[in-house]
Amino acid sequence: MAKTYTEAEKWQYRAAIRQGIISKLEKKLTRAEAEILTLSTSLAAANVRLALYDAREAA
């Protein structure tokens, strides 16, 4: 015989599923933010190198 679940149990299960999804999305967001920071730093360094190159060319 199949077990029947109360409304509270159903909502608790749904909340647990949602929390798992939220947790996975938060991990992905954290990784994406770290990647953006890395790319931003790399771009800033490239801009500095380009400015130094331009300054040498102008001299």
Protein backbone atom coordinates (compact mmCIF):
# COMPACT_ATOMS: atom_id res chain seq x y z
CA MET A 1 0.00 0.00 0.00
CA ALA A 2 1.38 3.41 -0.99
CA LYS A 3 2.17 5.86 1.77
CA THR A 4 0.17 9.05 1.67
CA TYR A 5 1.87 12.29 2.58
CA THR A 6 0.43 15.21 4.48
CA GLU A 7 0.39 18.67 2.92
CA ALA A 8 3.10 19.71 5.38
CA GLU A 9 5.33 16.82 4.28
CA LYS A 10 4.77 17.71 0.62
CA TRP A 11 5.71 21.33 1.25
CA GLN A 12 8.73 20.30 3.30
CA TYR A 13 9.91 18.08 0.43
CA ARG A 14 9.39 20.87 -2.11
CA ALA A 15 11.30 23.30 0.10
CA ALA A 16 14.21 20.86 0.36
CA ILE A 17 14.28 20.46 -3.43
CA ARG A 18 14.22 24.26 -3.88
CA GLN A 19 17.01 24.69 -1.34
CA GLY A 20 19.15 22.16 -3.20
CA ILE A 21 18.61 24.00 -6.47
CA ILE A 22 19.39 27.35 -4.83
CA SER A 23 22.58 25.92 -3.33
CA LYS A 24 23.78 24.67 -6.73
CA LEU A 25 22.99 28.01 -8.35
CA GLU A 26 24.85 29.88 -5.60
CA LYS A 27 27.93 27.70 -6.24
CA LYS A 28 27.74 28.44 -9.96
CA LEU A 29 27.33 32.16 -9.25
CA THR A 30 30.37 32.16 -6.97
CA ARG A 31 32.45 30.45 -9.66
CA ALA A 32 31.22 32.92 -12.29
CA GLU A 33 32.05 35.87 -10.03
CA ALA A 34 35.57 34.50 -9.50
CA GLU A 35 35.99 34.06 -13.26
CA ILE A 36 34.82 37.65 -13.86
CA LEU A 37 37.31 38.91 -11.28
CA THR A 38 40.11 36.95 -12.97
CA LEU A 39 39.18 38.28 -16.40
CA SER A 40 38.87 41.83 -15.06
CA THR A 41 42.34 41.61 -13.49
CA SER A 42 43.77 40.20 -16.70
CA LEU A 43 42.19 43.00 -18.73
CA ALA A 44 43.56 45.63 -16.35
CA ALA A 45 47.05 44.14 -16.66
CA ALA A 46 46.75 44.09 -20.46
CA ASN A 47 45.66 47.73 -20.43
CA VAL A 48 48.72 48.66 -18.35
CA ARG A 49 51.02 46.82 -20.76
CA LEU A 50 49.36 48.55 -23.70
CA ALA A 51 49.73 51.97 -22.06
CA LEU A 52 53.43 51.30 -21.40
CA TYR A 53 53.89 50.19 -25.01
CA ASP A 54 52.09 53.31 -26.28
CA ALA A 55 54.25 55.51 -24.03
CA ARG A 56 57.43 53.92 -25.41
CA GLU A 57 56.18 54.36 -28.97
CA ALA A 58 55.41 58.04 -28.33
CA ALA A 59 58.86 58.70 -26.85
